N, C-alpha and C. Protein backbone atom coordinates (compact mmCIF):
# COMPACT_ATOMS: atom_id res chain seq x y z
N MET A 1 -10.37 2.07 -3.67
CA MET A 1 -9.28 0.73 -4.44
C MET A 1 -9.46 1.00 -5.47
N ASN A 2 -8.27 1.28 -5.58
CA ASN A 2 -7.47 0.75 -7.21
C ASN A 2 -7.10 -0.85 -7.76
N PRO A 3 -7.70 -0.89 -9.04
CA PRO A 3 -7.44 -2.03 -9.27
C PRO A 3 -5.95 -2.48 -9.04
N PHE A 4 -5.02 -3.82 -9.16
CA PHE A 4 -4.38 -4.16 -9.14
C PHE A 4 -3.50 -5.41 -9.46
N PRO A 5 -2.09 -5.28 -10.27
CA PRO A 5 -1.77 -6.51 -10.51
C PRO A 5 -0.92 -7.20 -9.35
N VAL A 6 -1.09 -9.08 -9.84
CA VAL A 6 -0.23 -9.76 -8.78
C VAL A 6 -0.18 -11.16 -9.93
N VAL A 7 1.25 -11.46 -9.73
CA VAL A 7 1.81 -12.74 -10.59
C VAL A 7 1.81 -13.72 -9.13
N ILE A 8 0.96 -15.04 -9.93
CA ILE A 8 0.42 -16.28 -9.08
C ILE A 8 1.10 -17.87 -9.83
N ALA A 9 1.89 -18.39 -8.99
CA ALA A 9 1.83 -19.95 -9.76
C ALA A 9 3.27 -19.38 -10.88
N GLN A 10 4.04 -18.40 -10.43
CA GLN A 10 5.22 -18.27 -10.80
C GLN A 10 4.92 -17.56 -12.66
N GLU A 11 3.82 -17.27 -12.86
CA GLU A 11 3.41 -17.24 -14.44
C GLU A 11 1.95 -16.51 -14.80
N LEU A 12 1.20 -16.78 -13.99
CA LEU A 12 -0.13 -16.47 -14.45
C LEU A 12 -0.13 -15.07 -13.97
N HIS A 13 -0.52 -14.15 -14.64
CA HIS A 13 -0.29 -12.79 -14.54
C HIS A 13 -2.13 -12.26 -14.17
N LEU A 14 -2.39 -11.83 -13.43
CA LEU A 14 -4.43 -11.67 -13.05
C LEU A 14 -4.10 -9.62 -12.41
N LEU A 15 -5.33 -9.41 -12.72
CA LEU A 15 -5.40 -7.78 -12.53
C LEU A 15 -6.82 -7.83 -11.61
N ILE A 16 -6.48 -7.42 -10.17
CA ILE A 16 -7.39 -7.98 -9.27
C ILE A 16 -8.35 -6.61 -9.07
N LEU A 17 -9.71 -6.57 -9.31
CA LEU A 17 -10.49 -4.94 -9.03
C LEU A 17 -11.13 -5.19 -8.10
N PRO A 18 -10.94 -4.39 -7.23
CA PRO A 18 -11.44 -4.45 -5.88
C PRO A 18 -13.36 -4.08 -5.93
N ASP A 19 -14.16 -4.31 -5.25
CA ASP A 19 -15.07 -3.63 -5.65
C ASP A 19 -15.45 -3.30 -4.76
N SER A 20 -15.45 -2.10 -4.85
CA SER A 20 -15.82 -1.06 -3.27
C SER A 20 -16.49 -0.21 -3.90
N ILE A 21 -16.82 0.61 -2.77
CA ILE A 21 -18.09 1.69 -3.17
C ILE A 21 -17.42 3.33 -2.21
N GLY A 22 -17.06 3.95 -2.96
CA GLY A 22 -16.74 4.92 -2.54
C GLY A 22 -17.39 6.38 -1.68
N HIS A 23 -16.90 6.34 -0.22
CA HIS A 23 -17.88 7.43 0.37
C HIS A 23 -17.36 8.77 0.51
N ALA A 24 -18.61 9.74 0.71
CA ALA A 24 -18.61 10.71 0.81
C ALA A 24 -17.43 11.90 1.16
N ASP A 25 -17.35 10.86 1.95
CA ASP A 25 -15.83 11.83 3.41
C ASP A 25 -14.45 11.25 2.49
N GLY A 26 -14.51 10.77 1.49
CA GLY A 26 -12.95 10.31 0.83
C GLY A 26 -12.29 9.25 1.64
N HIS A 27 -12.47 9.04 2.56
CA HIS A 27 -11.61 7.58 3.22
C HIS A 27 -12.44 6.17 2.23
N PRO A 28 -10.46 6.01 2.16
CA PRO A 28 -10.87 4.30 1.52
C PRO A 28 -11.77 3.70 2.23
N VAL A 29 -11.93 2.73 1.50
CA VAL A 29 -12.69 1.47 1.99
C VAL A 29 -12.21 0.61 1.73
N LEU A 30 -12.61 -0.54 2.94
CA LEU A 30 -12.12 -2.04 2.51
C LEU A 30 -13.06 -2.62 2.26
N THR A 31 -12.60 -3.22 0.92
CA THR A 31 -14.01 -4.13 0.51
C THR A 31 -13.95 -5.59 0.98
N TYR A 32 -14.34 -6.50 0.33
CA TYR A 32 -14.89 -8.01 0.70
C TYR A 32 -14.78 -8.73 -0.19
N SER A 33 -15.25 -8.17 -1.74
CA SER A 33 -14.89 -9.18 -2.85
C SER A 33 -13.92 -8.63 -3.93
N TYR A 34 -13.44 -9.14 -4.68
CA TYR A 34 -12.22 -8.99 -5.31
C TYR A 34 -12.30 -9.94 -6.95
N SER A 35 -12.53 -9.24 -7.79
CA SER A 35 -13.07 -9.67 -9.08
C SER A 35 -11.57 -10.34 -9.56
N ILE A 36 -11.37 -11.09 -10.37
CA ILE A 36 -10.01 -11.68 -10.73
C ILE A 36 -10.31 -11.98 -12.43
N PHE A 37 -9.08 -11.61 -13.26
CA PHE A 37 -8.63 -11.27 -14.46
C PHE A 37 -7.81 -11.51 -14.95
N GLU A 38 -7.65 -12.22 -16.15
CA GLU A 38 -6.42 -13.24 -16.85
C GLU A 38 -5.54 -11.36 -16.82
N LYS A 39 -4.91 -11.01 -16.97
CA LYS A 39 -4.40 -10.14 -16.85
C LYS A 39 -3.54 -9.96 -18.94
N THR A 40 -4.16 -9.43 -19.17
CA THR A 40 -3.38 -9.39 -21.05
C THR A 40 -3.25 -7.20 -21.34
N ASP A 41 -2.56 -7.61 -22.74
CA ASP A 41 -2.42 -6.40 -23.21
C ASP A 41 -3.10 -4.72 -23.31
N ASP A 42 -4.38 -5.54 -23.24
CA ASP A 42 -5.51 -4.93 -23.81
C ASP A 42 -6.25 -4.23 -22.17
N LEU A 43 -5.81 -4.80 -21.17
CA LEU A 43 -6.63 -4.77 -20.02
C LEU A 43 -6.38 -3.20 -19.17
N TYR A 44 -6.55 -2.14 -19.99
CA TYR A 44 -5.94 -1.13 -19.26
C TYR A 44 -7.10 -0.01 -19.61
N GLY A 45 -6.80 1.06 -19.10
CA GLY A 45 -7.70 1.97 -19.70
C GLY A 45 -9.35 2.29 -19.71
N ASP A 46 -10.21 2.65 -20.65
CA ASP A 46 -11.26 2.22 -20.52
C ASP A 46 -11.84 1.06 -20.35
N ASN A 47 -10.76 -0.32 -21.05
CA ASN A 47 -11.10 -1.72 -20.94
C ASN A 47 -11.15 -1.43 -18.77
N ILE A 48 -10.59 -1.74 -18.14
CA ILE A 48 -10.58 -1.49 -16.78
C ILE A 48 -12.56 -0.94 -16.29
N PHE A 49 -12.57 0.29 -16.97
CA PHE A 49 -13.71 0.51 -16.79
C PHE A 49 -15.24 -0.28 -17.02
N ASP A 50 -15.06 -0.94 -18.11
CA ASP A 50 -15.72 -1.48 -19.13
C ASP A 50 -16.19 -2.70 -18.16
N LYS A 51 -14.49 -3.42 -17.77
CA LYS A 51 -15.11 -4.76 -16.66
C LYS A 51 -15.50 -4.35 -15.03
N GLU A 52 -15.08 -3.34 -14.96
CA GLU A 52 -15.63 -2.61 -13.63
C GLU A 52 -17.12 -2.16 -13.46
N SER A 53 -17.65 -2.41 -14.17
CA SER A 53 -19.20 -1.98 -14.57
C SER A 53 -19.82 -3.36 -14.52
N ARG A 54 -19.16 -3.96 -15.18
CA ARG A 54 -20.00 -6.14 -15.10
C ARG A 54 -19.81 -6.61 -14.09
N LEU A 55 -19.38 -5.96 -12.98
CA LEU A 55 -18.25 -6.74 -11.50
C LEU A 55 -19.33 -7.96 -11.24
N HIS A 56 -19.30 -9.16 -10.69
CA HIS A 56 -20.12 -10.24 -9.85
C HIS A 56 -21.40 -10.19 -10.74
N LEU A 57 -20.96 -10.23 -12.55
CA LEU A 57 -22.05 -10.87 -12.70
C LEU A 57 -22.64 -12.23 -12.97
N LYS A 58 -23.76 -12.94 -12.75
CA LYS A 58 -23.96 -13.87 -12.86
C LYS A 58 -23.01 -14.50 -14.12
N ASP A 59 -23.35 -14.45 -15.20
CA ASP A 59 -22.69 -14.42 -16.47
C ASP A 59 -21.89 -13.92 -17.19
N ASN A 60 -20.73 -13.48 -16.36
CA ASN A 60 -19.98 -12.62 -16.64
C ASN A 60 -19.19 -13.64 -18.29
N ASP A 61 -19.79 -13.02 -19.36
CA ASP A 61 -18.73 -14.06 -20.25
C ASP A 61 -17.45 -13.36 -20.81
N ASP A 62 -16.84 -12.62 -20.50
CA ASP A 62 -15.66 -12.16 -20.38
C ASP A 62 -14.28 -12.93 -20.78
N PRO A 63 -14.07 -13.13 -21.58
CA PRO A 63 -12.70 -14.12 -21.47
C PRO A 63 -11.38 -14.62 -20.85
N ASN A 64 -11.23 -13.59 -20.62
CA ASN A 64 -10.34 -13.07 -19.11
C ASN A 64 -10.82 -13.18 -17.59
N TYR A 65 -12.19 -13.36 -17.11
CA TYR A 65 -12.43 -13.60 -15.86
C TYR A 65 -12.50 -15.01 -15.23
N ARG A 66 -11.82 -14.72 -14.38
CA ARG A 66 -11.53 -16.10 -13.37
C ARG A 66 -12.30 -16.27 -12.19
N GLY A 67 -13.01 -15.51 -11.59
CA GLY A 67 -13.66 -15.44 -10.50
C GLY A 67 -14.20 -14.69 -9.65
N VAL A 68 -14.35 -14.49 -8.87
CA VAL A 68 -14.23 -13.25 -7.73
C VAL A 68 -14.04 -14.11 -5.95
N ILE A 69 -13.25 -13.75 -5.62
CA ILE A 69 -12.64 -14.14 -3.70
C ILE A 69 -13.67 -13.07 -3.64
N LEU A 70 -14.13 -13.67 -2.23
CA LEU A 70 -14.84 -13.15 -1.04
C LEU A 70 -14.32 -13.11 0.16
N PHE A 71 -14.08 -11.95 1.53
CA PHE A 71 -13.53 -12.22 2.38
C PHE A 71 -14.63 -12.40 3.13
N GLU A 72 -14.90 -13.49 3.78
CA GLU A 72 -16.39 -13.02 4.78
C GLU A 72 -16.11 -13.07 6.29
N GLN A 73 -14.89 -13.55 6.59
CA GLN A 73 -14.08 -13.23 7.47
C GLN A 73 -13.08 -13.34 7.57
N PRO A 74 -12.05 -12.11 7.44
CA PRO A 74 -11.15 -11.73 6.94
C PRO A 74 -9.48 -12.37 7.70
N GLY A 75 -8.56 -13.38 7.11
CA GLY A 75 -8.05 -13.93 7.96
C GLY A 75 -8.69 -15.42 8.74
N LYS A 76 -10.09 -15.40 8.20
CA LYS A 76 -10.77 -16.84 9.00
C LYS A 76 -10.99 -17.47 7.20
N LEU A 77 -12.44 -17.41 7.13
CA LEU A 77 -12.98 -17.83 5.67
C LEU A 77 -13.28 -17.04 4.65
N PHE A 78 -13.01 -17.71 3.41
CA PHE A 78 -12.54 -17.11 2.08
C PHE A 78 -13.79 -18.15 1.00
N THR A 79 -14.62 -17.38 0.13
CA THR A 79 -15.33 -17.94 -0.95
C THR A 79 -14.83 -17.75 -2.58
N TYR A 80 -14.00 -18.39 -3.48
CA TYR A 80 -13.77 -18.28 -4.44
C TYR A 80 -15.11 -19.01 -5.04
N GLU A 81 -15.44 -18.18 -5.95
CA GLU A 81 -16.68 -18.27 -7.60
C GLU A 81 -16.03 -18.50 -8.15
N PRO A 82 -15.78 -19.44 -9.33
CA PRO A 82 -15.01 -19.47 -9.98
C PRO A 82 -15.77 -19.31 -11.26
N ALA A 83 -15.22 -18.41 -12.28
CA ALA A 83 -16.01 -18.12 -13.96
C ALA A 83 -16.19 -19.42 -14.27
N LEU A 84 -17.46 -19.50 -15.33
CA LEU A 84 -17.64 -20.85 -15.65
C LEU A 84 -16.75 -21.12 -16.80
N HIS A 85 -15.85 -20.85 -17.45
CA HIS A 85 -15.11 -21.31 -18.25
C HIS A 85 -13.49 -21.13 -18.29
N LYS A 86 -13.43 -20.02 -16.98
CA LYS A 86 -11.38 -20.79 -16.80
C LYS A 86 -11.64 -20.09 -15.39
N SER A 87 -10.73 -20.99 -14.58
CA SER A 87 -10.95 -20.91 -13.23
C SER A 87 -9.91 -21.44 -12.44
N LEU A 88 -9.83 -20.84 -11.18
CA LEU A 88 -7.86 -21.14 -10.63
C LEU A 88 -7.94 -22.43 -9.59
N ASP A 89 -6.68 -23.44 -9.58
CA ASP A 89 -7.08 -24.60 -8.61
C ASP A 89 -6.25 -24.11 -7.27
N SER A 90 -6.82 -24.57 -6.61
CA SER A 90 -6.63 -24.29 -4.97
C SER A 90 -5.35 -24.58 -4.57
N ASP A 91 -4.71 -24.49 -4.92
CA ASP A 91 -3.08 -23.17 -4.78
C ASP A 91 -3.16 -22.10 -5.57
N GLU A 92 -3.57 -22.31 -6.49
CA GLU A 92 -3.93 -20.67 -6.68
C GLU A 92 -4.74 -19.67 -5.87
N VAL A 93 -5.26 -20.37 -5.99
CA VAL A 93 -6.38 -19.55 -4.92
C VAL A 93 -6.41 -19.37 -3.92
N GLU A 94 -5.36 -20.56 -2.86
CA GLU A 94 -4.07 -20.07 -1.73
C GLU A 94 -3.42 -18.70 -2.11
N GLU A 95 -2.82 -18.42 -2.85
CA GLU A 95 -1.54 -17.69 -3.21
C GLU A 95 -2.64 -16.47 -3.46
N LEU A 96 -3.39 -16.64 -4.25
CA LEU A 96 -4.01 -15.07 -4.37
C LEU A 96 -4.37 -14.08 -3.06
N ILE A 97 -5.27 -15.47 -2.17
CA ILE A 97 -5.80 -14.91 -1.25
C ILE A 97 -4.69 -14.09 0.06
N GLU A 98 -3.28 -14.38 -0.19
CA GLU A 98 -2.17 -14.20 0.63
C GLU A 98 -1.88 -12.98 -0.05
N HIS A 99 -1.80 -12.22 -1.31
CA HIS A 99 -2.03 -11.70 -1.87
C HIS A 99 -2.39 -10.00 -1.88
N ILE A 100 -3.95 -10.63 -1.74
CA ILE A 100 -5.07 -9.48 -1.20
C ILE A 100 -4.96 -9.04 0.06
N THR A 101 -4.81 -10.18 1.10
CA THR A 101 -4.26 -10.16 2.22
C THR A 101 -3.64 -9.33 2.64
N GLU A 102 -2.12 -8.99 2.01
CA GLU A 102 -1.19 -8.08 1.97
C GLU A 102 -1.66 -6.95 1.38
N TYR A 103 -2.09 -6.78 0.51
CA TYR A 103 -3.13 -5.84 -0.23
C TYR A 103 -4.21 -5.19 1.26
N ARG A 104 -4.62 -5.30 1.19
CA ARG A 104 -5.59 -5.08 2.58
C ARG A 104 -4.59 -4.42 3.12
N ASP A 105 -3.73 -5.37 4.15
CA ASP A 105 -3.28 -4.58 5.66
C ASP A 105 -2.17 -3.95 4.73
N HIS A 106 -2.11 -3.26 4.45
CA HIS A 106 -1.13 -2.15 3.94
C HIS A 106 -1.64 -1.09 3.18
N ALA A 107 -2.61 0.07 4.04
CA ALA A 107 -3.02 1.07 2.81
C ALA A 107 -2.47 1.60 1.58
N ALA A 108 -1.09 2.61 2.19
CA ALA A 108 -0.47 2.88 1.30
C ALA A 108 -0.54 2.03 -0.51
N MET A 109 -0.69 0.68 0.11
CA MET A 109 -1.11 0.23 -1.53
C MET A 109 -1.71 0.84 -2.63
N TRP A 110 -3.01 1.33 -1.70
CA TRP A 110 -4.36 1.28 -1.92
C TRP A 110 -4.25 2.15 -3.53
N LEU A 111 -2.95 3.10 -3.06
CA LEU A 111 -2.77 3.97 -4.38
C LEU A 111 -2.39 4.27 -5.06
N LEU A 112 -1.33 2.43 -5.36
CA LEU A 112 -0.99 2.70 -6.27
C LEU A 112 -1.30 2.21 -7.66
């Protein structure tokens, strides 16, 4: 699964990095955790790979990191673990879960 952008609260631009592991058979993998970063102009190319290499570290010091959402029981139970220095409010988390759920439900979007 590739990183994908979303806009929530009408103006907050985020980049979602699915924490997925590829399988040898080449089939897409549905992940259960998604790291959240505020989208900036420098968040492309090699910078994304740098962020992927540090996903889910307890002390992620990236100033654009907003936390991680875990889909523990998709459609039923979600956990948001906020970043220490920047977090999303409950309405933003709810809207983000809706965006991620749509992404999860439409495999064609995984290739964007």
